[in-house]
């Protein structure tokens, strides 16, 4: 029974798709073509969800005769191919000369990179569509469980769906990262091309019973290392003028990094210590003043800042301070690292004074630069003799020489709102479409709304109810409407069974 219902939905969806496609072929209006294309996209999305359900049934061993299922799946796939061809034709017609010329000039490597990027985008969309279908199936199973809570098969299927959705999302994350790296030039098209067949196999056959997933698809791209570089790059940026950089250092110390990462941690510590002299001095000074026993870490800061070519000693110092706090006293570690005999309090005071001095110099230099820039900008716009004239309130769009006795400004009568209430609808439409961006256009729209006309933001035209709607919901209303055809014949036309969605209704209050 459920299969018959799905088959009925498929036939209805295909019939609707064919009807919209015929309208798309018969119309010549660009706006109407775009609207029909969007409608086709909605219908093909519905058919794709039904296709995922049919594919699940085909892969199931409970159904013996799978010929009708295969036929329905092929029918949907034919409509998908037809939609892809239609979408390509629409884009080619709109940008035929520019697009063909650009394709001829494009470098083969750039062309291959663009093709790989398009494939990744399509693959992510296919996975997203599969997720929608799986989630819809899970919702149906949840509804069935409310009636029969003892169905172990449904529980097992829901668990399988959850695992599949999580696996899809993981693959989508990998593909989006690959797309970002490809656009930034961090990986080549050839590297992505080598994993393309494996990814396509996963997308097309992940619901088959005998499907075996290759968990090492992305290993040769070394995505973990790229993610680590992105993370380090983000950590090196100072967050704000009052931000703190010490959490990054403390996290690096407490994580007990492997020998391969010690140098990276030390370099990050050195870079952030140098960059924070001008940007983060207050927060660092406050942390140094409030800390109880940070002498080893603090003593390492000036040494690391002065010798950036030797990052290993600060890294070992940080590790010693975090991992062995009880084996040596803070004063001994401070003397060993800094080589000075002064107590920790004196070192703290000197370091804070150094930070404050650097901060004050940077602030003074920045303020002087701002004043100089403001002065230069002001000198560029010194007032002249012509600036003393009164500004012209009206500037004609189409200047034409006329006799002196002709008026040079519009009559103030057209600023009176009462006049617009007496004009006909055709006159108001003319003012609205040919006086755009003026006060008169606002008054015309105000008068049209008083006459029960409503503006549709998507089609950019005015609609009026011809009769009471046959259906009204929270999102739309459907019925017969009169609309003004401003592009074609400049007349009012009637549209039956039109669905007016409220999200496209211009409902701003005009007073």
Protein backbone atom coordinates (compact mmCIF):
# COMPACT_ATOMS: atom_id res chain seq x y z
CA UNK A 1 0.00 0.00 0.00
CA UNK A 2 2.82 2.40 0.82
CA UNK A 3 4.57 1.57 -2.46
CA UNK A 4 1.35 2.34 -4.36
CA UNK A 5 1.10 5.70 -2.61
CA UNK A 6 4.68 6.53 -3.57
CA UNK A 7 4.01 5.48 -7.18
CA UNK A 8 0.98 7.76 -7.23
CA UNK A 9 3.06 10.66 -5.92
CA UNK A 10 5.68 9.95 -8.60
CA UNK A 11 3.09 10.01 -11.39
CA UNK A 12 1.57 13.24 -10.05
CA UNK A 13 5.01 14.82 -9.69
CA UNK A 14 6.03 13.79 -13.22
CA UNK A 15 2.77 15.17 -14.61
CA UNK A 16 3.28 18.47 -12.79
CA UNK A 17 6.90 18.60 -13.96
CA UNK A 18 5.87 18.07 -17.61
CA UNK A 19 3.21 20.77 -17.36
CA UNK A 20 5.65 23.33 -15.96
CA UNK A 21 8.25 22.32 -18.57
CA UNK A 22 5.74 22.94 -21.39
CA UNK A 23 4.97 26.38 -19.95
CA UNK A 24 8.68 27.11 -19.81
CA UNK A 25 9.12 26.21 -23.48
CA UNK A 26 6.10 28.23 -24.64
CA UNK A 27 6.78 31.49 -22.80
CA UNK A 28 9.13 34.21 -24.08
CA UNK A 29 9.14 36.41 -20.96
CA UNK A 30 12.45 36.22 -19.08
CA UNK A 31 10.82 36.68 -15.67
CA UNK A 32 8.28 33.96 -16.39
CA UNK A 33 11.05 31.61 -17.55
CA UNK A 34 12.95 32.15 -14.30
CA UNK A 35 9.78 31.54 -12.30
CA UNK A 36 9.06 28.29 -14.16
CA UNK A 37 12.66 27.22 -13.67
CA UNK A 38 12.31 27.68 -9.91
CA UNK A 39 9.06 25.68 -9.98
CA UNK A 40 10.83 22.90 -11.89
CA UNK A 41 13.57 22.87 -9.26
CA UNK A 42 11.00 22.41 -6.48
CA UNK A 43 9.32 19.53 -8.30
CA UNK A 44 12.61 17.79 -9.07
CA UNK A 45 13.55 18.03 -5.37
CA UNK A 46 10.31 16.22 -4.46
CA UNK A 47 10.98 13.56 -7.09
CA UNK A 48 14.53 13.08 -5.80
CA UNK A 49 13.21 12.37 -2.30
CA UNK A 50 10.82 9.78 -3.74
CA UNK A 51 13.74 8.32 -5.72
CA UNK A 52 15.71 7.82 -2.48
CA UNK A 53 12.75 5.98 -0.98
CA UNK A 54 12.48 3.76 -4.07
CA UNK A 55 16.23 3.03 -3.96
CA UNK A 56 15.85 1.88 -0.34
CA UNK A 57 13.10 -0.54 -1.40
CA UNK A 58 15.21 -1.82 -4.31
CA UNK A 59 18.08 -2.58 -1.93
CA UNK A 60 15.72 -4.35 0.49
CA UNK A 61 15.46 -8.15 0.34
CA UNK A 62 11.79 -8.20 1.42
CA UNK A 63 10.51 -7.22 -2.04
CA UNK A 64 10.81 -9.89 -4.73
CA UNK A 65 9.48 -8.18 -7.88
CA UNK A 66 11.57 -5.01 -8.21
CA UNK A 67 10.81 -4.27 -11.87
CA UNK A 68 8.16 -1.56 -11.15
CA UNK A 69 10.53 0.06 -8.65
CA UNK A 70 13.35 0.16 -11.19
CA UNK A 71 11.02 1.62 -13.84
CA UNK A 72 9.88 4.39 -11.51
CA UNK A 73 13.47 5.19 -10.55
CA UNK A 74 14.48 5.43 -14.22
CA UNK A 75 11.52 7.70 -14.92
CA UNK A 76 12.61 10.08 -12.17
CA UNK A 77 16.21 10.00 -13.37
CA UNK A 78 15.04 10.91 -16.89
CA UNK A 79 13.30 13.99 -15.49
CA UNK A 80 16.45 14.85 -13.54
CA UNK A 81 18.51 14.73 -16.74
CA UNK A 82 15.90 16.85 -18.51
CA UNK A 83 16.04 19.44 -15.73
CA UNK A 84 19.86 19.56 -15.85
CA UNK A 85 19.73 20.16 -19.62
CA UNK A 86 17.07 22.85 -19.17
CA UNK A 87 19.08 24.58 -16.45
CA UNK A 88 22.21 24.51 -18.61
CA UNK A 89 20.28 25.91 -21.58
CA UNK A 90 18.90 28.78 -19.47
CA UNK A 91 22.37 29.75 -18.29
CA UNK A 92 23.86 29.40 -21.79
CA UNK A 93 21.17 31.59 -23.35
CA UNK A 94 21.63 34.30 -20.76
CA UNK A 95 25.39 34.44 -21.05
CA UNK A 96 26.10 32.77 -24.38
CA UNK A 97 28.64 35.17 -25.92
CA UNK A 98 30.42 36.03 -22.69
CA UNK A 99 30.43 32.45 -21.45
CA UNK A 100 31.71 30.90 -24.68
CA UNK A 101 34.38 33.57 -25.06
CA UNK A 102 35.52 33.06 -21.47
CA UNK A 103 35.60 29.28 -21.90
CA UNK A 104 37.77 29.65 -25.00
CA UNK A 105 40.24 31.88 -23.18
CA UNK A 106 40.31 29.84 -19.97
CA UNK A 107 43.48 27.99 -19.09
CA UNK A 108 43.06 24.17 -19.15
CA UNK A 109 44.12 23.90 -15.51
CA UNK A 110 41.61 26.57 -14.46
CA UNK A 111 38.95 24.83 -16.52
CA UNK A 112 39.67 21.51 -14.81
CA UNK A 113 39.66 23.22 -11.42
CA UNK A 114 36.28 24.80 -12.17
CA UNK A 115 34.87 21.45 -13.29
CA UNK A 116 36.12 19.74 -10.11
CA UNK A 117 34.59 22.52 -7.98
CA UNK A 118 31.24 22.08 -9.73
CA UNK A 119 31.40 18.33 -9.17
CA UNK A 120 32.09 18.78 -5.45
CA UNK A 121 29.15 21.19 -5.16
CA UNK A 122 26.82 18.75 -6.94
CA UNK A 123 28.01 15.88 -4.76
CA UNK A 124 27.33 17.85 -1.57
CA UNK A 125 23.84 18.67 -2.88
CA UNK A 126 23.19 14.98 -3.65
CA UNK A 127 24.25 13.99 -0.13
CA UNK A 128 22.01 16.71 1.30
CA UNK A 129 19.09 15.36 -0.72
CA UNK A 130 19.78 11.85 0.55
CA UNK A 131 19.84 13.17 4.12
CA UNK A 132 16.42 14.78 3.56
CA UNK A 133 15.03 11.46 2.33
CA UNK A 134 16.51 9.50 5.23
CA UNK A 135 15.21 11.98 7.80
CA UNK A 136 11.74 11.81 6.23
CA UNK A 137 11.85 8.00 6.45
CA UNK A 138 12.96 8.21 10.09
CA UNK A 139 10.03 10.50 10.89
CA UNK A 140 7.60 8.01 9.32
CA UNK A 141 9.11 5.20 11.38
CA UNK A 142 8.85 7.31 14.54
CA UNK A 143 5.13 7.80 13.86
CA UNK A 144 4.74 4.04 13.44
CA UNK A 145 6.57 3.38 16.71
CA UNK A 146 4.01 5.45 18.60
CA UNK A 147 1.37 2.93 17.57
CA UNK A 148 3.48 -0.22 17.90
CA UNK A 149 6.36 0.21 20.35
CA UNK A 150 7.51 -3.42 20.16
CA UNK A 151 8.82 -3.33 16.60
CA UNK A 152 12.52 -4.18 16.85
CA UNK A 153 13.02 -3.87 13.07
CA UNK A 154 11.93 -0.23 13.10
CA UNK A 155 14.26 0.57 15.99
CA UNK A 156 17.12 -1.07 14.12
CA UNK A 157 16.25 0.81 10.91
CA UNK A 158 16.12 4.15 12.76
CA UNK A 159 19.54 3.43 14.26
CA UNK A 160 20.88 2.58 10.80
CA UNK A 161 19.43 5.81 9.40
CA UNK A 162 21.07 7.87 12.15
CA UNK A 163 24.44 6.29 11.42
CA UNK A 164 23.99 6.88 7.69
CA UNK A 165 23.05 10.54 8.22
CA UNK A 166 26.09 11.11 10.42
CA UNK A 167 28.29 9.42 7.81
CA UNK A 168 26.81 11.63 5.07
CA UNK A 169 27.45 14.76 7.12
CA UNK A 170 31.04 13.69 7.73
CA UNK A 171 31.59 13.22 3.99
CA UNK A 172 29.97 16.61 3.31
CA UNK A 173 32.38 18.24 5.77
CA UNK A 174 35.35 16.56 4.07
CA UNK A 175 34.18 17.66 0.62
CA UNK A 176 33.59 21.26 1.73
CA UNK A 177 37.10 21.35 3.20
CA UNK A 178 38.51 19.97 -0.07
CA UNK A 179 36.63 22.64 -2.02
CA UNK A 180 38.07 25.38 0.20
CA UNK A 181 41.60 24.00 -0.13
CA UNK A 182 41.19 23.65 -3.90
CA UNK A 183 40.05 27.26 -4.28
CA UNK A 184 42.97 28.46 -2.14
CA UNK A 185 45.46 26.41 -4.17
CA UNK A 186 46.54 24.18 -1.26
CA UNK A 187 45.72 20.99 -3.18
CA UNK A 188 45.70 20.27 -6.91
CA UNK A 189 42.92 19.11 -9.19
CA UNK A 190 44.83 15.89 -9.92
CA UNK A 191 44.75 14.94 -6.23
CA UNK A 192 40.99 15.42 -6.07
CA UNK A 193 40.53 13.58 -9.37
CA UNK A 194 42.17 10.47 -7.88
CA UNK A 195 39.48 10.13 -5.20
CA UNK A 196 36.56 11.07 -7.45
CA UNK A 197 35.56 7.52 -8.39
CA UNK A 198 35.56 6.41 -4.74
CA UNK A 199 33.39 9.34 -3.68
CA UNK A 200 30.94 8.77 -6.54
CA UNK A 201 30.75 5.08 -5.63
CA UNK A 202 29.88 6.03 -2.06
CA UNK A 203 27.19 8.54 -3.09
CA UNK A 204 25.50 6.17 -5.55
CA UNK A 205 25.75 2.84 -3.68
CA UNK A 206 25.79 3.65 0.04
CA UNK A 207 22.30 2.16 0.49
CA UNK A 208 23.10 -1.19 -1.16
CA UNK A 209 23.09 -4.22 1.19
CA UNK A 210 26.54 -5.37 0.05
CA UNK A 211 28.07 -1.89 0.17
CA UNK A 212 31.54 -1.77 1.73
CA UNK A 213 32.73 1.69 2.69
CA UNK A 214 36.34 2.72 2.16
CA UNK A 215 37.26 4.72 5.26
CA UNK A 216 40.61 5.77 3.80
CA UNK A 217 39.27 7.74 0.82
CA UNK A 218 40.67 11.08 1.96
CA UNK A 219 43.90 9.85 3.59
CA UNK A 220 46.16 10.72 0.65
CA UNK A 221 44.96 14.35 0.74
CA UNK A 222 46.26 14.76 4.32
CA UNK A 223 43.24 16.82 5.38
CA UNK A 224 44.09 16.55 9.10
CA UNK A 225 47.35 18.43 8.55
CA UNK A 226 45.54 21.12 6.56
CA UNK A 227 42.96 21.51 9.35
CA UNK A 228 45.79 21.87 11.87
CA UNK A 229 47.39 24.63 9.78
CA UNK A 230 44.05 26.47 9.64
CA UNK A 231 43.73 26.14 13.43
CA UNK A 232 47.28 27.45 14.05
CA UNK A 233 46.67 30.34 11.64
CA UNK A 234 43.58 31.32 13.56
CA UNK A 235 45.42 31.10 16.87
CA UNK A 236 48.18 33.46 15.69
CA UNK A 237 45.78 36.33 15.11
CA UNK A 238 45.24 38.69 18.06
CA UNK A 239 41.54 38.73 18.82
CA UNK A 240 41.17 42.35 19.93
CA UNK A 241 42.97 45.17 21.69
CA UNK A 242 41.82 43.78 25.03
CA UNK A 243 42.03 40.08 24.10
CA UNK A 244 44.24 37.61 25.92
CA UNK A 245 46.80 35.41 24.26
CA UNK A 246 47.88 33.48 27.35
CA UNK A 247 45.10 30.81 27.03
CA UNK A 248 46.62 29.65 23.75
CA UNK A 249 50.00 29.22 25.45
CA UNK A 250 48.59 27.52 28.52
CA UNK A 251 46.55 25.12 26.36
CA UNK A 252 49.64 24.25 24.35
CA UNK A 253 51.55 23.55 27.57
CA UNK A 254 48.84 21.51 29.29
CA UNK A 255 48.20 19.30 26.26
CA UNK A 256 51.72 17.75 26.54
CA UNK A 257 52.38 17.84 22.78
CA UNK A 258 54.35 15.23 20.93
CA UNK A 259 57.98 15.99 19.88
CA UNK A 260 56.78 16.78 16.35
CA UNK A 261 54.57 19.59 17.65
CA UNK A 262 56.87 21.18 20.24
CA UNK A 263 58.52 23.46 17.71
CA UNK A 264 55.13 24.64 16.39
CA UNK A 265 53.99 25.47 19.92
CA UNK A 266 57.17 27.41 20.63
CA UNK A 267 56.89 29.38 17.38
CA UNK A 268 53.26 30.21 18.13
CA UNK A 269 54.27 31.37 21.61
CA UNK A 270 57.04 33.56 20.17
CA UNK A 271 54.81 35.14 17.50
CA UNK A 272 51.98 35.90 19.89
CA UNK A 273 54.37 37.38 22.47
CA UNK A 274 55.80 39.77 19.85
CA UNK A 275 52.43 40.72 18.36
CA UNK A 276 50.93 41.42 21.77
CA UNK A 277 53.33 44.25 22.69
CA UNK A 278 51.07 46.81 20.98
CA UNK A 279 47.69 45.09 20.99
CA UNK A 280 47.31 43.11 24.21
CA UNK A 281 49.50 44.85 26.79
CA UNK A 282 46.74 45.58 29.39
CA UNK A 283 45.45 42.01 29.52
CA UNK A 284 48.94 40.46 29.69
CA UNK A 285 50.02 42.89 32.38
CA UNK A 286 46.92 42.09 34.40
CA UNK A 287 47.50 38.35 34.09
CA UNK A 288 51.14 38.73 35.12
CA UNK A 289 50.19 40.80 38.14
CA UNK A 290 47.44 38.38 39.26
CA UNK A 291 49.42 35.16 38.75
CA UNK A 292 50.86 33.51 41.91
CA UNK A 293 53.82 31.50 40.56
CA UNK A 294 54.27 32.20 36.86
CA UNK A 295 57.97 33.08 37.07
CA UNK A 296 59.31 30.40 34.67
CA UNK A 297 56.77 31.22 31.95
CA UNK A 298 57.14 35.00 32.33
CA UNK A 299 60.90 34.88 32.30
CA UNK A 300 60.71 33.00 29.03
CA UNK A 301 58.78 35.79 27.28
CA UNK A 302 61.55 38.38 26.85
CA UNK A 303 64.03 35.67 25.96
CA UNK A 304 61.76 34.23 23.30
CA UNK A 305 60.97 37.70 21.95
CA UNK A 306 64.63 38.62 21.63
CA UNK A 307 65.70 35.30 20.08
CA UNK A 308 63.03 34.14 17.71
CA UNK A 309 65.46 31.87 15.90
CA UNK A 310 65.69 29.54 18.96
CA UNK A 311 62.14 28.44 19.73
CA UNK A 312 63.01 25.17 21.52
CA UNK A 313 64.05 26.60 24.96
CA UNK A 314 60.72 28.41 25.49
CA UNK A 315 58.83 25.24 24.55
CA UNK A 316 60.77 23.17 27.08
CA UNK A 317 60.31 25.91 29.67
CA UNK A 318 56.55 25.92 29.17
CA UNK A 319 56.38 22.14 29.37
CA UNK A 320 58.47 22.17 32.56
CA UNK A 321 56.25 24.79 34.14
CA UNK A 322 53.05 22.84 33.38
CA UNK A 323 54.14 19.24 33.93
CA UNK A 324 56.57 19.48 36.90
CA UNK A 325 55.33 22.23 39.22
CA UNK A 326 56.47 20.49 42.42
CA UNK A 327 60.00 19.35 41.52
CA UNK A 328 61.69 22.77 41.50
CA UNK A 329 61.00 26.10 43.10
CA UNK A 330 59.85 29.06 40.95
CA UNK A 331 62.81 31.25 41.96
CA UNK A 332 65.36 28.64 40.87
CA UNK A 333 63.68 28.16 37.49
CA UNK A 334 63.53 31.90 36.96
CA UNK A 335 67.23 32.26 37.74
CA UNK A 336 68.10 29.39 35.41
CA UNK A 337 66.15 30.74 32.47
CA UNK A 338 66.76 34.45 32.77
CA UNK A 339 70.23 34.32 34.28
CA UNK A 340 69.41 37.25 36.58
CA UNK A 341 69.76 37.37 40.39
CA UNK A 342 66.84 39.76 40.93
CA UNK A 343 63.69 38.46 42.70
CA UNK A 344 60.52 37.63 40.68
CA UNK A 345 58.69 40.77 41.84
CA UNK A 346 61.36 43.04 40.33
CA UNK A 347 61.23 41.14 37.04
CA UNK A 348 57.46 41.51 37.00
CA UNK A 349 57.67 45.25 37.58
CA UNK A 350 60.26 45.71 34.81
CA UNK A 351 58.23 43.66 32.35
CA UNK A 352 55.02 45.58 33.09
CA UNK A 353 56.86 48.89 32.70
CA UNK A 354 58.23 47.73 29.33
CA UNK A 355 54.76 46.79 28.14
CA UNK A 356 53.27 50.12 29.25
CA UNK A 357 56.03 52.12 27.53
CA UNK A 358 55.61 50.24 24.25
CA UNK A 359 51.86 50.67 24.46
CA UNK A 360 52.12 54.44 25.05
CA UNK A 361 54.54 54.92 22.13
CA UNK A 362 52.33 52.95 19.77
CA UNK A 363 49.24 54.91 20.83
CA UNK A 364 50.95 58.28 20.36
CA UNK A 365 52.28 57.30 16.93
CA UNK A 366 48.84 56.04 15.88
CA UNK A 367 47.08 59.23 17.03
CA UNK A 368 49.56 61.47 15.18
CA UNK A 369 49.00 59.47 12.01
CA UNK A 370 45.24 59.85 12.38
CA UNK A 371 45.49 63.62 12.86
CA UNK A 372 47.74 63.95 9.82
CA UNK A 373 45.33 61.91 7.69
CA UNK A 374 42.33 63.98 8.83
CA UNK A 375 44.19 67.20 8.03
CA UNK A 376 45.10 65.99 4.55
CA UNK A 377 41.54 64.94 3.83
CA UNK A 378 40.20 68.29 5.04
CA UNK A 379 42.53 70.22 2.74
CA UNK A 380 41.19 68.33 -0.26
CA UNK A 381 37.68 69.68 0.26
CA UNK A 382 38.19 73.35 1.09
CA UNK A 383 35.05 75.41 0.31
CA UNK A 384 35.14 77.63 -2.76
CA UNK A 385 33.14 80.57 -4.04
CA UNK A 386 30.63 78.34 -5.83
CA UNK A 387 29.78 76.62 -2.57
CA UNK A 388 28.07 79.79 -1.38
CA UNK A 389 25.21 79.33 -3.89
CA UNK A 390 21.93 77.84 -2.72
CA UNK A 391 21.64 74.13 -3.51
CA UNK A 392 19.28 73.22 -6.32
CA UNK A 393 16.36 71.20 -5.04
CA UNK A 394 15.38 69.90 -8.48
CA UNK A 395 17.69 68.53 -11.17
CA UNK A 396 15.92 67.42 -14.37
CA UNK A 397 16.83 63.97 -15.68
CA UNK A 398 16.54 64.86 -19.38
CA UNK A 399 17.86 68.39 -19.79
CA UNK A 400 16.46 70.19 -22.85
CA UNK A 401 16.74 73.88 -23.79
CA UNK A 402 13.39 75.63 -23.37
CA UNK A 403 12.21 79.27 -23.55
CA UNK A 404 12.55 81.33 -20.39
CA UNK A 405 8.78 81.57 -19.89
CA UNK A 406 8.49 77.78 -19.52
CA UNK A 407 8.51 76.49 -15.92
CA UNK A 408 11.77 74.78 -14.94
CA UNK A 409 10.44 72.80 -11.95
CA UNK A 410 7.41 70.52 -11.55
CA UNK A 411 4.24 72.06 -10.25
CA UNK A 412 3.90 71.84 -6.45
CA UNK A 413 0.39 70.56 -7.11
CA UNK A 414 1.87 67.10 -7.70
CA UNK A 415 3.15 67.00 -4.11
CA UNK A 416 -0.40 67.04 -2.77
CA UNK A 417 -1.51 63.54 -1.63
CA UNK A 418 -5.19 64.41 -2.20
CA UNK A 419 -4.58 64.76 -5.94
CA UNK A 420 -3.35 61.16 -6.23
CA UNK A 421 -6.54 59.82 -4.63
CA UNK A 422 -8.49 61.28 -7.57
CA UNK A 423 -6.29 59.82 -10.33
CA UNK A 424 -7.20 56.65 -12.24
CA UNK A 425 -5.39 53.37 -11.69
CA UNK A 426 -3.62 53.62 -15.07
CA UNK A 427 -2.22 57.04 -14.18
CA UNK A 428 -1.06 55.75 -10.82
CA UNK A 429 0.65 52.78 -12.48
CA UNK A 430 2.42 55.13 -14.89
CA UNK A 431 3.68 57.30 -12.03
CA UNK A 432 4.75 54.25 -10.02
CA UNK A 433 6.80 52.66 -12.82
CA UNK A 434 8.18 55.80 -14.51
CA UNK A 435 8.86 58.07 -11.50
CA UNK A 436 10.95 55.63 -9.49
CA UNK A 437 12.78 56.90 -6.45
CA UNK A 438 10.58 60.03 -6.09
CA UNK A 439 8.00 61.25 -3.64
CA UNK A 440 5.39 60.91 -6.39
CA UNK A 441 6.08 57.16 -6.65
CA UNK A 442 5.45 56.84 -2.92
CA UNK A 443 2.14 58.74 -3.20
CA UNK A 444 1.09 56.58 -6.17
CA UNK A 445 1.80 53.38 -4.20
CA UNK A 446 -0.14 54.78 -1.26
CA UNK A 447 -3.18 55.49 -3.42
CA UNK A 448 -3.01 52.06 -5.09
CA UNK A 449 -3.04 50.36 -1.69
CA UNK A 450 -6.13 52.39 -0.81
CA UNK A 451 -7.78 50.93 -3.92
CA UNK A 452 -7.09 47.37 -2.65
CA UNK A 453 -4.11 46.75 -4.92
CA UNK A 454 -1.27 44.73 -3.39
CA UNK A 455 2.32 44.72 -4.59
CA UNK A 456 4.05 41.39 -5.32
CA UNK A 457 7.79 41.73 -4.61
CA UNK A 458 8.81 38.71 -6.70
CA UNK A 459 6.94 39.61 -9.91
CA UNK A 460 7.22 43.38 -9.22
CA UNK A 461 3.63 44.04 -10.21
CA UNK A 462 0.31 44.89 -8.57
CA UNK A 463 -2.42 42.34 -7.80
CA UNK A 464 -6.05 42.79 -6.79
CA UNK A 465 -8.58 40.19 -5.71
CA UNK A 466 -11.20 39.48 -8.38
CA UNK A 467 -13.27 37.41 -5.97
CA UNK A 468 -12.95 35.85 -2.55
CA UNK A 469 -10.03 33.38 -2.31
CA UNK A 470 -10.86 29.69 -2.51
CA UNK A 471 -8.13 28.83 0.02
CA UNK A 472 -6.45 30.87 2.76
CA UNK A 473 -3.63 29.65 5.02
CA UNK A 474 -1.00 31.28 7.20
CA UNK A 475 1.50 31.24 4.32
CA UNK A 476 -0.55 31.93 1.19
CA UNK A 477 -3.96 32.42 -0.35
CA UNK A 478 -5.24 31.03 -3.66
CA UNK A 479 -7.93 32.33 -6.00
CA UNK A 480 -8.64 34.55 -9.01
CA UNK A 481 -6.72 37.84 -9.22
CA UNK A 482 -6.46 40.87 -11.48
CA UNK A 483 -2.87 41.91 -12.12
CA UNK A 484 -1.36 44.80 -14.07
CA UNK A 485 0.84 43.72 -16.99
CA UNK A 486 3.37 46.55 -17.13
CA UNK A 487 5.89 44.70 -19.32
CA UNK A 488 3.73 43.34 -22.11
CA UNK A 489 0.54 45.15 -23.13
CA UNK A 490 0.23 47.72 -20.30
CA UNK A 491 -3.20 46.48 -19.30
CA UNK A 492 -5.01 44.59 -16.58
CA UNK A 493 -5.22 40.79 -16.91
CA UNK A 494 -7.01 38.06 -14.99
CA UNK A 495 -5.15 35.13 -13.42
CA UNK A 496 -7.11 32.11 -12.15
CA UNK A 497 -5.95 29.69 -9.46
CA UNK A 498 -3.06 31.99 -8.57
CA UNK A 499 -1.18 31.24 -5.37
CA UNK A 500 -0.23 34.51 -3.62
CA UNK A 501 2.43 33.74 -1.01
CA UNK A 502 2.47 36.22 1.85
CA UNK A 503 6.26 36.30 2.00
CA UNK A 504 6.24 38.17 -1.33
CA UNK A 505 3.59 40.66 -0.17
CA UNK A 506 4.79 44.22 0.33
CA UNK A 507 2.99 45.01 3.58
CA UNK A 508 4.89 48.13 4.67
CA UNK A 509 2.66 50.74 6.27
CA UNK A 510 2.32 53.82 4.01
CA UNK A 511 1.02 56.85 5.93
